[in-house]
């Protein structure tokens, strides 16, 4: 594919919707981060996670919007957007896995200490 590829009008509508939703989700994550700080210091971890997710979704929304609004770099903008979405997914997966591991450790500790009584 060369750098001059342009998506069609109907394809731009789909990409534009993705831009809107990614940007909206980024903003919601920013608000979530701010609200999590109200529960300081307990909410600091949630705030940091929400902030990083918000940054990546917001930036992916801007990149998706660039696909629709510019000409000549659709593929590059799309790849940038997908990279940001991929990073957000990676953050979410790592956080989820860490949470599962911590829950399993807590369960094992509970079973060991409950069984020793």
Foldseek 3Di string as FASTA:
>chain_A
DALQDADDPVVLVVLLVLLVVLLVQLVVLQVQLVVLCVVPPVSNVSNVLSNLLSVLSNQLSVLSVCSNVDGRHNVVSNVSSVVSVVVSVVSVVVVVVVVVVVVVVVVVVCCVVVVVD
